[in-house]
């Protein structure tokens, strides 16, 4: 977690990393979908760590 800044932006950045989106890409590839970015809001932070959020994964037809 960054010392300053938005928890939402931090979680979005982490979940949009290739290492994370590749997991979803493997799972959705057989359905003919490609993965975009993750978008999260209402990130709840406890003891300096994100513990809960509403997140959406952007999917589109290949």
PDB file of N, CA and C in Angstrom:
ATOM      1  N   UNK A   1       0.860  -1.173   0.000  1.00  0.00           N
ATOM      2  CA  UNK A   1       0.000   0.000   0.000  1.00  0.00           C
ATOM      3  C   UNK A   1       0.904   1.233   0.000  1.00  0.00           C
ATOM      4  N   UNK A   2       0.622   2.182  -0.854  1.00  0.00           N
ATOM      5  CA  UNK A   2       1.431   3.399  -0.839  1.00  0.00           C
ATOM      6  C   UNK A   2       1.175   4.213   0.426  1.00  0.00           C
ATOM      7  N   UNK A   3       2.188   4.964   0.840  1.00  0.00           N
ATOM      8  CA  UNK A   3       2.046   5.791   2.033  1.00  0.00           C
ATOM      9  C   UNK A   3       1.023   6.894   1.814  1.00  0.00           C
ATOM     10  N   UNK A   4       0.927   7.396   0.590  1.00  0.00           N
ATOM     11  CA  UNK A   4      -0.038   8.443   0.273  1.00  0.00           C
ATOM     12  C   UNK A   4      -0.691   8.106  -1.057  1.00  0.00           C
ATOM     13  N   UNK A   5      -1.915   8.564  -1.241  1.00  0.00           N
ATOM     14  CA  UNK A   5      -2.596   8.317  -2.499  1.00  0.00           C
ATOM     15  C   UNK A   5      -3.870   7.536  -2.302  1.00  0.00           C
ATOM     16  N   UNK A   6      -4.469   7.179  -3.386  1.00  0.00           N
ATOM     17  CA  UNK A   6      -5.759   6.515  -3.376  1.00  0.00           C
ATOM     18  C   UNK A   6      -5.618   5.001  -3.275  1.00  0.00           C
ATOM     19  N   UNK A   7      -6.322   4.409  -2.332  1.00  0.00           N
ATOM     20  CA  UNK A   7      -6.336   2.951  -2.219  1.00  0.00           C
ATOM     21  C   UNK A   7      -6.957   2.339  -3.459  1.00  0.00           C
ATOM     22  N   UNK A   8      -7.977   2.997  -4.028  1.00  0.00           N
ATOM     23  CA  UNK A   8      -8.609   2.498  -5.253  1.00  0.00           C
ATOM     24  C   UNK A   8      -7.598   2.414  -6.386  1.00  0.00           C
ATOM     25  N   UNK A   9      -6.821   3.476  -6.591  1.00  0.00           N
ATOM     26  CA  UNK A   9      -5.826   3.504  -7.667  1.00  0.00           C
ATOM     27  C   UNK A   9      -4.768   2.431  -7.454  1.00  0.00           C
ATOM     28  N   UNK A  10      -4.353   2.244  -6.223  1.00  0.00           N
ATOM     29  CA  UNK A  10      -3.345   1.228  -5.913  1.00  0.00           C
ATOM     30  C   UNK A  10      -3.856  -0.162  -6.270  1.00  0.00           C
ATOM     31  N   UNK A  11      -5.062  -0.511  -5.829  1.00  0.00           N
ATOM     32  CA  UNK A  11      -5.610  -1.840  -6.099  1.00  0.00           C
ATOM     33  C   UNK A  11      -5.847  -2.016  -7.600  1.00  0.00           C
ATOM     34  N   UNK A  12      -6.340  -0.987  -8.278  1.00  0.00           N
ATOM     35  CA  UNK A  12      -6.519  -1.069  -9.735  1.00  0.00           C
ATOM     36  C   UNK A  12      -5.196  -1.368 -10.425  1.00  0.00           C
ATOM     37  N   UNK A  13      -4.149  -0.689 -10.028  1.00  0.00           N
ATOM     38  CA  UNK A  13      -2.828  -0.866 -10.638  1.00  0.00           C
ATOM     39  C   UNK A  13      -2.304  -2.287 -10.401  1.00  0.00           C
ATOM     40  N   UNK A  14      -2.440  -2.785  -9.187  1.00  0.00           N
ATOM     41  CA  UNK A  14      -1.953  -4.128  -8.867  1.00  0.00           C
ATOM     42  C   UNK A  14      -2.738  -5.189  -9.641  1.00  0.00           C
ATOM     43  N   UNK A  15      -4.060  -5.061  -9.660  1.00  0.00           N
ATOM     44  CA  UNK A  15      -4.881  -6.080 -10.321  1.00  0.00           C
ATOM     45  C   UNK A  15      -4.854  -5.983 -11.836  1.00  0.00           C
ATOM     46  N   UNK A  16      -4.395  -4.877 -12.393  1.00  0.00           N
ATOM     47  CA  UNK A  16      -4.274  -4.736 -13.839  1.00  0.00           C
ATOM     48  C   UNK A  16      -2.900  -5.183 -14.346  1.00  0.00           C
ATOM     49  N   UNK A  17      -2.035  -5.611 -13.455  1.00  0.00           N
ATOM     50  CA  UNK A  17      -0.711  -6.091 -13.847  1.00  0.00           C
ATOM     51  C   UNK A  17      -0.835  -7.371 -14.665  1.00  0.00           C
ATOM     52  N   UNK A  18       0.088  -7.567 -15.584  1.00  0.00           N
ATOM     53  CA  UNK A  18       0.049  -8.727 -16.474  1.00  0.00           C
ATOM     54  C   UNK A  18       0.009 -10.052 -15.711  1.00  0.00           C
ATOM     55  N   UNK A  19       0.725 -10.141 -14.598  1.00  0.00           N
ATOM     56  CA  UNK A  19       0.748 -11.388 -13.828  1.00  0.00           C
ATOM     57  C   UNK A  19      -0.646 -11.777 -13.333  1.00  0.00           C
ATOM     58  N   UNK A  20      -1.482 -10.803 -13.062  1.00  0.00           N
ATOM     59  CA  UNK A  20      -2.844 -11.066 -12.586  1.00  0.00           C
ATOM     60  C   UNK A  20      -3.782 -11.293 -13.767  1.00  0.00           C
ATOM     61  N   UNK A  21      -3.744 -10.413 -14.763  1.00  0.00           N
ATOM     62  CA  UNK A  21      -4.685 -10.534 -15.882  1.00  0.00           C
ATOM     63  C   UNK A  21      -4.434 -11.792 -16.710  1.00  0.00           C
ATOM     64  N   UNK A  22      -3.201 -12.310 -16.718  1.00  0.00           N
ATOM     65  CA  UNK A  22      -2.917 -13.530 -17.466  1.00  0.00           C
ATOM     66  C   UNK A  22      -3.684 -14.727 -16.912  1.00  0.00           C
ATOM     67  N   UNK A  23      -3.905 -14.745 -15.616  1.00  0.00           N
ATOM     68  CA  UNK A  23      -4.690 -15.824 -15.007  1.00  0.00           C
ATOM     69  C   UNK A  23      -6.113 -15.799 -15.561  1.00  0.00           C
ATOM     70  N   UNK A  24      -6.705 -14.612 -15.620  1.00  0.00           N
ATOM     71  CA  UNK A  24      -8.055 -14.480 -16.166  1.00  0.00           C
ATOM     72  C   UNK A  24      -8.069 -14.736 -17.672  1.00  0.00           C
ATOM     73  N   UNK A  25      -7.006 -14.354 -18.371  1.00  0.00           N
ATOM     74  CA  UNK A  25      -6.924 -14.565 -19.816  1.00  0.00           C
ATOM     75  C   UNK A  25      -6.922 -16.054 -20.144  1.00  0.00           C
ATOM     76  N   UNK A  26      -6.197 -16.837 -19.379  1.00  0.00           N
ATOM     77  CA  UNK A  26      -6.191 -18.291 -19.601  1.00  0.00           C
ATOM     78  C   UNK A  26      -7.579 -18.875 -19.375  1.00  0.00           C
ATOM     79  N   UNK A  27      -8.260 -18.393 -18.349  1.00  0.00           N
ATOM     80  CA  UNK A  27      -9.585 -18.926 -18.019  1.00  0.00           C
ATOM     81  C   UNK A  27     -10.651 -18.519 -19.030  1.00  0.00           C
ATOM     82  N   UNK A  28     -10.546 -17.320 -19.594  1.00  0.00           N
ATOM     83  CA  UNK A  28     -11.587 -16.831 -20.501  1.00  0.00           C
ATOM     84  C   UNK A  28     -11.253 -17.040 -21.975  1.00  0.00           C
ATOM     85  N   UNK A  29     -10.020 -17.399 -22.285  1.00  0.00           N
ATOM     86  CA  UNK A  29      -9.598 -17.566 -23.669  1.00  0.00           C
ATOM     87  C   UNK A  29     -10.390 -18.611 -24.423  1.00  0.00           C
ATOM     88  N   UNK A  30     -10.730 -19.708 -23.785  1.00  0.00           N
ATOM     89  CA  UNK A  30     -11.484 -20.765 -24.461  1.00  0.00           C
ATOM     90  C   UNK A  30     -12.914 -20.330 -24.793  1.00  0.00           C
ATOM     91  N   UNK A  31     -13.384 -19.277 -24.156  1.00  0.00           N
ATOM     92  CA  UNK A  31     -14.720 -18.740 -24.443  1.00  0.00           C
ATOM     93  C   UNK A  31     -14.660 -17.655 -25.515  1.00  0.00           C
ATOM     94  N   UNK A  32     -13.470 -17.413 -26.079  1.00  0.00           N
ATOM     95  CA  UNK A  32     -13.322 -16.406 -27.119  1.00  0.00           C
ATOM     96  C   UNK A  32     -13.311 -14.984 -26.596  1.00  0.00           C
ATOM     97  N   UNK A  33     -12.883 -14.816 -25.356  1.00  0.00           N
ATOM     98  CA  UNK A  33     -12.855 -13.485 -24.748  1.00  0.00           C
ATOM     99  C   UNK A  33     -11.427 -13.033 -24.507  1.00  0.00           C
ATOM    100  N   UNK A  34     -11.203 -11.727 -24.583  1.00  0.00           N
ATOM    101  CA  UNK A  34      -9.912 -11.172 -24.195  1.00  0.00           C
ATOM    102  C   UNK A  34     -10.126 -10.294 -22.965  1.00  0.00           C
ATOM    103  N   UNK A  35      -9.104 -10.219 -22.154  1.00  0.00           N
ATOM    104  CA  UNK A  35      -9.173  -9.525 -20.873  1.00  0.00           C
ATOM    105  C   UNK A  35      -8.612  -8.120 -21.012  1.00  0.00           C
ATOM    106  N   UNK A  36      -9.328  -7.160 -20.441  1.00  0.00           N
ATOM    107  CA  UNK A  36      -8.856  -5.788 -20.368  1.00  0.00           C
ATOM    108  C   UNK A  36      -8.277  -5.538 -18.995  1.00  0.00           C
ATOM    109  N   UNK A  37      -8.639  -4.434 -18.413  1.00  0.00           N
ATOM    110  CA  UNK A  37      -8.089  -4.097 -17.103  1.00  0.00           C
ATOM    111  C   UNK A  37      -9.105  -4.356 -16.002  1.00  0.00           C
ATOM    112  N   UNK A  38      -8.618  -4.360 -14.793  1.00  0.00           N
ATOM    113  CA  UNK A  38      -9.458  -4.506 -13.617  1.00  0.00           C
ATOM    114  C   UNK A  38      -9.798  -3.100 -13.127  1.00  0.00           C
ATOM    115  N   UNK A  39     -11.025  -2.901 -12.667  1.00  0.00           N
ATOM    116  CA  UNK A  39     -11.427  -1.612 -12.120  1.00  0.00           C
ATOM    117  C   UNK A  39     -12.064  -1.860 -10.765  1.00  0.00           C
ATOM    118  N   UNK A  40     -11.526  -1.237  -9.743  1.00  0.00           N
ATOM    119  CA  UNK A  40     -12.017  -1.433  -8.380  1.00  0.00           C
ATOM    120  C   UNK A  40     -12.414  -0.107  -7.753  1.00  0.00           C
ATOM    121  N   UNK A  41     -13.381  -0.180  -6.880  1.00  0.00           N
ATOM    122  CA  UNK A  41     -13.803   1.001  -6.133  1.00  0.00           C
ATOM    123  C   UNK A  41     -14.183   0.574  -4.726  1.00  0.00           C
ATOM    124  N   UNK A  42     -14.396   1.541  -3.888  1.00  0.00           N
ATOM    125  CA  UNK A  42     -14.793   1.307  -2.493  1.00  0.00           C
ATOM    126  C   UNK A  42     -13.844   0.347  -1.793  1.00  0.00           C
ATOM    127  N   UNK A  43     -12.547   0.543  -2.015  1.00  0.00           N
ATOM    128  CA  UNK A  43     -11.541  -0.302  -1.377  1.00  0.00           C
ATOM    129  C   UNK A  43     -11.540  -0.010   0.121  1.00  0.00           C
ATOM    130  N   UNK A  44     -11.666  -1.042   0.891  1.00  0.00           N
ATOM    131  CA  UNK A  44     -11.645  -0.923   2.342  1.00  0.00           C
ATOM    132  C   UNK A  44     -10.256  -1.313   2.824  1.00  0.00           C
ATOM    133  N   UNK A  45      -9.683  -0.491   3.670  1.00  0.00           N
ATOM    134  CA  UNK A  45      -8.326  -0.703   4.162  1.00  0.00           C
ATOM    135  C   UNK A  45      -8.365  -0.924   5.671  1.00  0.00           C
ATOM    136  N   UNK A  46      -7.629  -1.916   6.123  1.00  0.00           N
ATOM    137  CA  UNK A  46      -7.492  -2.192   7.558  1.00  0.00           C
ATOM    138  C   UNK A  46      -6.026  -2.463   7.851  1.00  0.00           C
ATOM    139  N   UNK A  47      -5.491  -1.819   8.840  1.00  0.00           N
ATOM    140  CA  UNK A  47      -4.093  -1.972   9.236  1.00  0.00           C
ATOM    141  C   UNK A  47      -3.154  -1.783   8.047  1.00  0.00           C
ATOM    142  N   UNK A  48      -3.484  -0.817   7.176  1.00  0.00           N
ATOM    143  CA  UNK A  48      -2.630  -0.466   6.060  1.00  0.00           C
ATOM    144  C   UNK A  48      -2.723  -1.361   4.835  1.00  0.00           C
ATOM    145  N   UNK A  49      -3.621  -2.361   4.863  1.00  0.00           N
ATOM    146  CA  UNK A  49      -3.753  -3.281   3.740  1.00  0.00           C
ATOM    147  C   UNK A  49      -5.166  -3.261   3.184  1.00  0.00           C
ATOM    148  N   UNK A  50      -5.309  -3.347   1.846  1.00  0.00           N
ATOM    149  CA  UNK A  50      -6.653  -3.442   1.272  1.00  0.00           C
ATOM    150  C   UNK A  50      -7.243  -4.813   1.611  1.00  0.00           C
ATOM    151  N   UNK A  51      -8.469  -4.821   2.152  1.00  0.00           N
ATOM    152  CA  UNK A  51      -9.064  -6.093   2.562  1.00  0.00           C
ATOM    153  C   UNK A  51     -10.375  -6.397   1.847  1.00  0.00           C
ATOM    154  N   UNK A  52     -10.969  -5.394   1.199  1.00  0.00           N
ATOM    155  CA  UNK A  52     -12.253  -5.610   0.544  1.00  0.00           C
ATOM    156  C   UNK A  52     -12.440  -4.541  -0.516  1.00  0.00           C
ATOM    157  N   UNK A  53     -13.122  -4.887  -1.619  1.00  0.00           N
ATOM    158  CA  UNK A  53     -13.384  -3.915  -2.679  1.00  0.00           C
ATOM    159  C   UNK A  53     -14.436  -4.465  -3.628  1.00  0.00           C
ATOM    160  N   UNK A  54     -15.062  -3.572  -4.384  1.00  0.00           N
ATOM    161  CA  UNK A  54     -15.916  -3.953  -5.497  1.00  0.00           C
ATOM    162  C   UNK A  54     -15.045  -3.859  -6.741  1.00  0.00           C
ATOM    163  N   UNK A  55     -14.891  -4.975  -7.464  1.00  0.00           N
ATOM    164  CA  UNK A  55     -14.013  -4.986  -8.636  1.00  0.00           C
ATOM    165  C   UNK A  55     -14.728  -5.573  -9.852  1.00  0.00           C
ATOM    166  N   UNK A  56     -14.355  -5.038 -11.003  1.00  0.00           N
ATOM    167  CA  UNK A  56     -14.885  -5.505 -12.281  1.00  0.00           C
ATOM    168  C   UNK A  56     -13.714  -5.806 -13.198  1.00  0.00           C
ATOM    169  N   UNK A  57     -13.866  -6.861 -13.988  1.00  0.00           N
ATOM    170  CA  UNK A  57     -12.865  -7.219 -14.969  1.00  0.00           C
ATOM    171  C   UNK A  57     -13.449  -6.933 -16.343  1.00  0.00           C
ATOM    172  N   UNK A  58     -12.731  -6.173 -17.133  1.00  0.00           N
ATOM    173  CA  UNK A  58     -13.184  -5.810 -18.478  1.00  0.00           C
ATOM    174  C   UNK A  58     -12.912  -6.976 -19.418  1.00  0.00           C
ATOM    175  N   UNK A  59     -13.959  -7.488 -20.081  1.00  0.00           N
ATOM    176  CA  UNK A  59     -13.848  -8.566 -21.058  1.00  0.00           C
ATOM    177  C   UNK A  59     -14.416  -8.089 -22.388  1.00  0.00           C
ATOM    178  N   UNK A  60     -13.850  -8.573 -23.470  1.00  0.00           N
ATOM    179  CA  UNK A  60     -14.350  -8.243 -24.807  1.00  0.00           C
ATOM    180  C   UNK A  60     -14.164  -9.438 -25.714  1.00  0.00           C
ATOM    181  N   UNK A  61     -14.946  -9.499 -26.773  1.00  0.00           N
ATOM    182  CA  UNK A  61     -14.795 -10.576 -27.758  1.00  0.00           C
ATOM    183  C   UNK A  61     -13.460 -10.414 -28.459  1.00  0.00           C
ATOM    184  N   UNK A  62     -12.826 -11.534 -28.787  1.00  0.00           N
ATOM    185  CA  UNK A  62     -11.532 -11.486 -29.492  1.00  0.00           C
ATOM    186  C   UNK A  62     -11.726 -11.049 -30.921  1.00  0.00           C
TER     187      UNK A  62
END
